[in-house]
N, C-alpha and C. Protein backbone atom coordinates (compact mmCIF):
# COMPACT_ATOMS: atom_id res chain seq x y z
N UNK A 1 0.88 -1.23 -0.16
CA UNK A 1 -0.13 -0.12 0.00
C UNK A 1 1.03 1.23 0.02
N UNK A 2 0.46 2.24 -0.84
CA UNK A 2 1.39 3.42 -1.03
C UNK A 2 1.18 4.05 0.22
N UNK A 3 2.00 5.11 0.56
CA UNK A 3 2.07 5.75 1.67
C UNK A 3 0.84 6.74 1.84
N UNK A 4 0.25 7.35 0.76
CA UNK A 4 -0.99 8.17 0.88
C UNK A 4 -2.09 7.40 1.19
N UNK A 5 -2.30 6.09 0.33
CA UNK A 5 -3.41 5.40 0.37
C UNK A 5 -3.65 4.52 1.87
N UNK A 6 -2.61 4.61 2.41
CA UNK A 6 -2.23 3.85 3.85
C UNK A 6 -2.76 4.85 4.64
N UNK A 7 -2.21 6.41 4.69
CA UNK A 7 -2.64 7.26 5.57
C UNK A 7 -4.28 7.53 5.56
N UNK A 8 -4.61 7.42 4.07
CA UNK A 8 -6.06 7.81 4.13
C UNK A 8 -6.98 6.63 4.66
N UNK A 9 -6.49 5.49 4.36
CA UNK A 9 -7.18 4.38 5.13
C UNK A 9 -7.17 4.50 6.73
N UNK A 10 -6.18 4.88 7.09
CA UNK A 10 -6.22 5.11 8.53
C UNK A 10 -6.79 6.03 8.96
N UNK A 11 -7.04 7.17 8.31
CA UNK A 11 -7.97 8.36 8.78
C UNK A 11 -9.29 7.79 8.58
N UNK A 12 -9.65 7.07 7.68
CA UNK A 12 -11.26 6.83 7.55
C UNK A 12 -11.45 5.50 8.88
N UNK A 13 -10.57 4.95 9.03
CA UNK A 13 -10.89 3.87 10.11
C UNK A 13 -11.00 4.56 11.43
N UNK A 14 -10.24 5.47 11.69
CA UNK A 14 -10.12 6.51 12.89
C UNK A 14 -11.41 7.10 12.91
N UNK A 15 -12.07 7.90 12.00
CA UNK A 15 -13.30 8.67 11.71
C UNK A 15 -14.24 7.78 12.23
N UNK A 16 -14.48 6.56 11.47
CA UNK A 16 -15.53 5.54 11.70
C UNK A 16 -15.45 5.22 13.31
N UNK A 17 -14.17 4.84 13.78
CA UNK A 17 -14.20 4.46 15.25
C UNK A 17 -14.87 5.41 15.94
N UNK A 18 -14.31 6.85 15.70
CA UNK A 18 -14.67 7.78 16.64
C UNK A 18 -15.97 8.27 16.48
N UNK A 19 -16.70 8.14 15.19
CA UNK A 19 -18.02 8.35 15.02
C UNK A 19 -18.63 7.37 16.08
N UNK A 20 -18.49 5.89 16.01
CA UNK A 20 -19.20 5.05 16.86
C UNK A 20 -18.99 5.30 18.30
N UNK A 21 -17.72 5.85 18.43
CA UNK A 21 -17.36 6.03 20.10
C UNK A 21 -18.25 7.54 20.53
N UNK A 22 -18.42 8.32 19.57
CA UNK A 22 -19.31 9.33 19.80
C UNK A 22 -20.63 9.15 20.18
N UNK A 23 -21.15 8.12 19.64
CA UNK A 23 -22.58 7.61 19.59
C UNK A 23 -22.63 7.01 21.09
N UNK A 24 -21.91 6.03 21.33
CA UNK A 24 -21.81 5.45 22.66
C UNK A 24 -21.61 6.34 23.88
N UNK A 25 -20.86 7.27 23.60
CA UNK A 25 -20.54 8.24 24.70
C UNK A 25 -21.51 9.21 24.78
N UNK A 26 -22.41 9.34 23.65
CA UNK A 26 -23.68 10.58 24.19
C UNK A 26 -24.76 10.18 24.97
N UNK A 27 -24.12 8.78 25.56
CA UNK A 27 -25.17 8.39 26.49
C UNK A 27 -26.04 7.15 25.92
N UNK A 28 -26.68 6.51 26.92
CA UNK A 28 -27.53 5.35 26.43
C UNK A 28 -28.90 5.71 26.34
N UNK A 29 -29.50 6.76 27.19
CA UNK A 29 -30.90 7.17 26.96
C UNK A 29 -30.76 8.64 26.31
N UNK A 30 -31.45 9.25 25.04
CA UNK A 30 -31.39 10.37 24.62
C UNK A 30 -32.79 10.91 25.10
N UNK A 31 -32.69 12.19 25.49
CA UNK A 31 -34.06 12.90 25.73
C UNK A 31 -35.26 12.79 24.90
N UNK A 32 -36.52 12.77 25.48
CA UNK A 32 -37.46 12.30 24.91
C UNK A 32 -37.68 13.24 23.52
N UNK A 33 -37.43 14.32 23.76
CA UNK A 33 -37.79 15.52 22.62
C UNK A 33 -37.14 15.19 21.91
N UNK A 34 -35.75 14.73 21.69
CA UNK A 34 -34.72 14.48 20.42
C UNK A 34 -35.28 13.30 19.47
N UNK A 35 -35.88 12.42 19.64
CA UNK A 35 -36.55 11.50 18.61
C UNK A 35 -37.78 10.93 19.50
N UNK A 36 -38.84 10.88 18.73
CA UNK A 36 -39.88 10.34 19.36
C UNK A 36 -40.59 9.12 18.05
N UNK A 37 -40.89 8.17 18.71
CA UNK A 37 -41.43 7.01 17.74
C UNK A 37 -42.75 7.56 17.21
N UNK A 38 -42.91 7.45 15.75
CA UNK A 38 -43.92 7.68 15.07
C UNK A 38 -44.61 6.64 14.73
N UNK A 39 -45.88 6.21 14.72
CA UNK A 39 -46.79 5.29 14.00
C UNK A 39 -46.47 4.07 14.75
N UNK A 40 -46.72 4.05 16.18
CA UNK A 40 -46.35 2.84 17.05
C UNK A 40 -47.41 1.74 16.57
N UNK A 41 -46.74 0.62 16.36
CA UNK A 41 -47.70 -0.27 16.20
C UNK A 41 -48.99 -0.59 17.28
N UNK A 42 -50.10 -1.11 16.59
CA UNK A 42 -51.47 -1.32 17.39
C UNK A 42 -50.99 -2.40 18.56
N UNK A 43 -51.70 -2.05 19.72
CA UNK A 43 -51.20 -2.99 20.83
C UNK A 43 -49.89 -2.93 21.63
N UNK A 44 -49.21 -2.05 21.20
CA UNK A 44 -47.88 -1.66 21.95
C UNK A 44 -47.99 -0.48 22.56
N UNK A 45 -47.34 -0.65 23.72
CA UNK A 45 -47.06 0.62 24.70
C UNK A 45 -45.33 1.02 24.68
N UNK A 46 -45.14 2.09 24.17
CA UNK A 46 -43.55 2.40 23.72
C UNK A 46 -43.23 3.62 24.45
N UNK A 47 -42.12 3.56 25.03
CA UNK A 47 -41.65 4.62 25.90
C UNK A 47 -40.91 5.69 24.73
N UNK A 48 -40.85 6.96 25.33
CA UNK A 48 -40.26 8.00 24.58
C UNK A 48 -38.71 8.09 24.93
N UNK A 49 -38.02 6.96 25.57
CA UNK A 49 -36.64 7.29 25.66
C UNK A 49 -36.14 5.96 24.88
N UNK A 50 -35.08 6.81 23.94
CA UNK A 50 -34.46 5.93 22.87
C UNK A 50 -32.94 5.41 23.58
N UNK A 51 -32.98 3.94 23.77
CA UNK A 51 -32.00 3.11 24.18
C UNK A 51 -30.83 2.66 23.30
N UNK A 52 -29.58 2.68 23.70
CA UNK A 52 -28.85 2.28 22.91
C UNK A 52 -27.54 1.50 23.82
N UNK A 53 -27.32 0.33 23.01
CA UNK A 53 -26.35 -0.61 23.75
C UNK A 53 -24.87 0.08 23.91
N UNK A 54 -24.03 -0.72 24.48
CA UNK A 54 -22.60 -0.27 24.56
C UNK A 54 -22.16 -0.92 23.24
N UNK A 55 -21.01 -0.67 22.81
CA UNK A 55 -20.21 -1.15 21.79
C UNK A 55 -19.80 -2.60 21.66
N UNK A 56 -20.26 -3.27 20.61
CA UNK A 56 -19.79 -5.11 20.93
C UNK A 56 -19.09 -5.22 19.82
N UNK A 57 -17.93 -5.95 20.07
CA UNK A 57 -16.89 -6.44 19.25
C UNK A 57 -16.92 -8.01 18.80
N UNK A 58 -16.98 -8.44 17.58
CA UNK A 58 -17.02 -9.85 17.14
C UNK A 58 -16.41 -9.96 16.07
N UNK A 59 -15.88 -11.24 15.64
CA UNK A 59 -15.11 -11.70 14.46
C UNK A 59 -16.13 -11.61 13.12
N UNK A 60 -17.48 -11.99 13.57
CA UNK A 60 -18.55 -12.06 12.48
C UNK A 60 -19.62 -10.88 12.82
N UNK A 61 -20.17 -10.53 11.76
CA UNK A 61 -20.99 -9.62 11.73
C UNK A 61 -22.25 -9.70 12.28
N UNK A 62 -22.99 -10.93 12.33
CA UNK A 62 -23.97 -11.60 12.81
C UNK A 62 -23.85 -11.47 14.50
N UNK A 63 -22.45 -12.03 14.67
CA UNK A 63 -22.15 -12.06 16.13
C UNK A 63 -22.24 -10.66 16.83
N UNK A 64 -21.58 -9.87 16.23
CA UNK A 64 -21.57 -8.56 16.82
C UNK A 64 -22.92 -8.00 16.82
N UNK A 65 -23.89 -8.46 16.02
CA UNK A 65 -25.31 -7.67 16.21
C UNK A 65 -26.10 -8.44 17.35
N UNK A 66 -25.92 -9.65 17.54
CA UNK A 66 -26.46 -10.37 18.31
C UNK A 66 -25.95 -9.93 19.67
N UNK A 67 -24.67 -9.53 19.87
CA UNK A 67 -24.01 -9.48 21.07
C UNK A 67 -24.90 -7.82 21.52
N UNK A 68 -24.65 -6.99 20.63
CA UNK A 68 -25.20 -5.53 20.51
C UNK A 68 -26.71 -5.80 21.06
N UNK A 69 -27.53 -6.60 20.30
CA UNK A 69 -29.08 -6.80 20.65
C UNK A 69 -29.16 -7.19 21.97
N UNK A 70 -28.31 -8.14 22.35
CA UNK A 70 -28.18 -8.56 23.92
C UNK A 70 -28.03 -7.80 24.90
N UNK A 71 -27.10 -6.77 24.66
CA UNK A 71 -26.61 -5.76 25.55
C UNK A 71 -27.86 -4.63 25.55
N UNK A 72 -28.35 -4.17 24.45
CA UNK A 72 -29.61 -3.34 24.31
C UNK A 72 -30.81 -3.78 25.39
N UNK A 73 -31.06 -5.39 25.26
CA UNK A 73 -32.17 -5.76 26.02
C UNK A 73 -31.27 -5.65 27.37
N UNK A 74 -30.43 -6.00 27.77
CA UNK A 74 -30.09 -5.70 29.19
C UNK A 74 -30.16 -4.27 29.70
N UNK A 75 -29.73 -3.21 28.88
CA UNK A 75 -29.80 -1.72 29.42
C UNK A 75 -31.45 -1.48 29.41
N UNK A 76 -32.28 -1.98 28.42
CA UNK A 76 -33.76 -1.76 28.71
C UNK A 76 -34.34 -2.35 29.79
N UNK A 77 -33.95 -3.46 30.37
CA UNK A 77 -34.29 -4.23 31.36
C UNK A 77 -33.88 -3.48 32.80
N UNK A 78 -32.51 -2.95 32.59
CA UNK A 78 -31.87 -2.42 33.91
C UNK A 78 -32.69 -0.94 34.10
N UNK A 79 -32.96 -0.28 32.84
CA UNK A 79 -33.55 0.72 33.07
C UNK A 79 -34.98 0.76 33.26
N UNK A 80 -35.84 -0.12 32.52
CA UNK A 80 -37.36 0.17 32.85
C UNK A 80 -37.95 -1.08 33.11
N UNK A 81 -37.12 -2.26 33.28
CA UNK A 81 -37.75 -3.75 33.82
C UNK A 81 -37.98 -4.48 32.78
N UNK A 82 -38.28 -5.83 33.17
CA UNK A 82 -38.78 -6.68 31.98
C UNK A 82 -39.98 -6.45 31.08
N UNK A 83 -40.75 -5.73 31.30
CA UNK A 83 -41.77 -5.32 30.58
C UNK A 83 -41.08 -5.03 29.04
N UNK A 84 -40.18 -4.07 28.95
CA UNK A 84 -39.56 -3.30 27.93
C UNK A 84 -38.20 -4.11 27.43
N UNK A 85 -37.81 -5.17 27.82
CA UNK A 85 -36.79 -5.76 27.33
C UNK A 85 -36.55 -6.36 26.21
N UNK A 86 -37.65 -6.58 25.29
CA UNK A 86 -37.54 -7.29 24.23
C UNK A 86 -37.44 -6.67 23.15
N UNK A 87 -36.32 -7.06 22.29
CA UNK A 87 -35.82 -6.08 21.24
C UNK A 87 -36.97 -6.58 19.77
N UNK A 88 -37.78 -7.39 19.95
CA UNK A 88 -38.40 -8.00 18.96
C UNK A 88 -39.80 -7.18 19.11
N UNK A 89 -39.99 -6.49 20.21
CA UNK A 89 -41.19 -5.61 20.32
C UNK A 89 -40.85 -4.25 20.33
N UNK A 90 -39.53 -3.93 20.10
CA UNK A 90 -39.07 -2.40 19.99
C UNK A 90 -39.30 -1.74 18.92
N UNK A 91 -39.55 -0.21 18.84
CA UNK A 91 -39.93 0.32 17.71
C UNK A 91 -38.49 1.15 17.11
N UNK A 92 -38.73 1.15 15.90
CA UNK A 92 -37.51 1.93 15.19
C UNK A 92 -36.13 1.36 15.50
N UNK A 93 -35.99 0.05 15.69
CA UNK A 93 -34.85 -0.48 15.96
C UNK A 93 -33.87 -0.77 14.91
N UNK A 94 -32.58 -0.38 15.13
CA UNK A 94 -31.62 -0.38 14.01
C UNK A 94 -30.28 -0.69 14.63
N UNK A 95 -29.45 -1.02 13.78
CA UNK A 95 -27.83 -1.31 13.96
C UNK A 95 -26.92 -0.27 13.48
N UNK A 96 -25.74 0.26 14.12
CA UNK A 96 -24.93 0.87 13.76
C UNK A 96 -23.41 0.08 13.72
N UNK A 97 -23.09 -0.41 12.44
CA UNK A 97 -21.87 -1.49 12.41
C UNK A 97 -20.79 -0.72 11.55
N UNK A 98 -19.39 -1.23 12.15
CA UNK A 98 -18.39 -0.66 11.44
C UNK A 98 -17.56 -2.15 11.34
N UNK A 99 -16.51 -2.04 10.38
CA UNK A 99 -15.33 -3.23 10.57
C UNK A 99 -14.08 -2.49 10.67
N UNK A 100 -13.13 -3.09 11.57
CA UNK A 100 -11.67 -2.45 11.63
C UNK A 100 -10.86 -3.99 11.71
N UNK A 101 -10.05 -4.24 10.71
CA UNK A 101 -9.07 -5.44 10.77
C UNK A 101 -10.23 -6.75 10.57
N UNK A 102 -9.89 -7.62 11.38
CA UNK A 102 -10.68 -8.96 11.57
C UNK A 102 -11.90 -8.50 12.02
N UNK A 103 -12.30 -7.59 13.07
CA UNK A 103 -13.60 -7.66 13.82
C UNK A 103 -14.47 -6.53 13.46
N UNK A 104 -15.74 -6.80 13.80
CA UNK A 104 -16.97 -5.87 13.65
C UNK A 104 -17.26 -5.50 14.87
N UNK A 105 -17.52 -4.02 14.80
CA UNK A 105 -18.12 -3.42 16.05
C UNK A 105 -19.37 -2.89 15.82
N UNK A 106 -20.55 -3.38 16.70
CA UNK A 106 -21.90 -2.83 16.39
C UNK A 106 -22.48 -2.36 17.70
N UNK A 107 -23.47 -1.48 17.57
CA UNK A 107 -24.17 -0.75 18.70
C UNK A 107 -25.71 -1.11 17.93
N UNK A 108 -26.73 -1.34 19.09
CA UNK A 108 -28.17 -1.58 18.82
C UNK A 108 -28.81 -0.41 19.71
N UNK A 109 -29.77 0.27 18.67
CA UNK A 109 -30.63 1.28 19.17
C UNK A 109 -32.06 1.14 18.84
N UNK A 110 -32.80 1.39 19.87
CA UNK A 110 -34.37 1.44 19.60
C UNK A 110 -35.19 1.94 20.91
N UNK A 111 -36.25 2.34 20.39
CA UNK A 111 -37.17 2.61 21.68
C UNK A 111 -38.02 1.17 22.28
N UNK A 112 -37.75 1.30 23.54
CA UNK A 112 -38.31 0.09 24.30
C UNK A 112 -39.80 -0.09 24.32
N UNK A 113 -40.70 -1.27 24.07
CA UNK A 113 -41.85 -1.19 24.06
C UNK A 113 -42.26 -2.71 24.75
N UNK A 114 -43.68 -2.31 25.28
CA UNK A 114 -44.49 -3.56 26.02
C UNK A 114 -45.51 -3.74 25.05
N UNK A 115 -46.05 -5.09 25.25
CA UNK A 115 -47.32 -5.56 24.48
C UNK A 115 -48.47 -4.82 25.69
N UNK A 116 -49.46 -4.28 25.06
CA UNK A 116 -50.64 -4.01 26.03
C UNK A 116 -51.47 -5.28 26.23
N UNK A 117 -52.01 -5.43 27.38
CA UNK A 117 -52.49 -6.56 27.76
C UNK A 117 -53.93 -6.08 28.09
N UNK A 118 -54.86 -6.87 27.31
CA UNK A 118 -56.32 -6.29 27.43
C UNK A 118 -56.89 -7.00 28.70
N UNK A 119 -57.83 -6.04 29.40
CA UNK A 119 -58.52 -6.56 30.57
C UNK A 119 -59.67 -6.70 30.32
N UNK A 120 -60.31 -7.99 30.20
CA UNK A 120 -61.51 -8.35 29.87
C UNK A 120 -62.19 -8.51 31.19
N UNK A 121 -63.71 -7.93 31.30
CA UNK A 121 -64.45 -8.27 32.63
C UNK A 121 -65.84 -8.94 32.43
């Protein structure tokens, strides 16, 4: 690799990691006014607090996403309890991933939701 292209590749990797680190350091819960879930699915009760996982590292992308999702569920459980810790019920769920060398790094973000239980009399 020539000196200039190696320098450019190094800068791009540092920028990608710095961006992911900034997302991670910005906090696990973003204030409700920053982003709010639109079009919440019927039968769900969603919170207006966006939860983000800690950065997760793995050699395979699927494994990095799985670890990020698991950490998101832990963060949601720790913050709001077991009613809101299911990634499958979350709204606007997304991953942010990058690759450095042989490793993938992923974050998972979403609004925690719970299923509304019908009360029948």
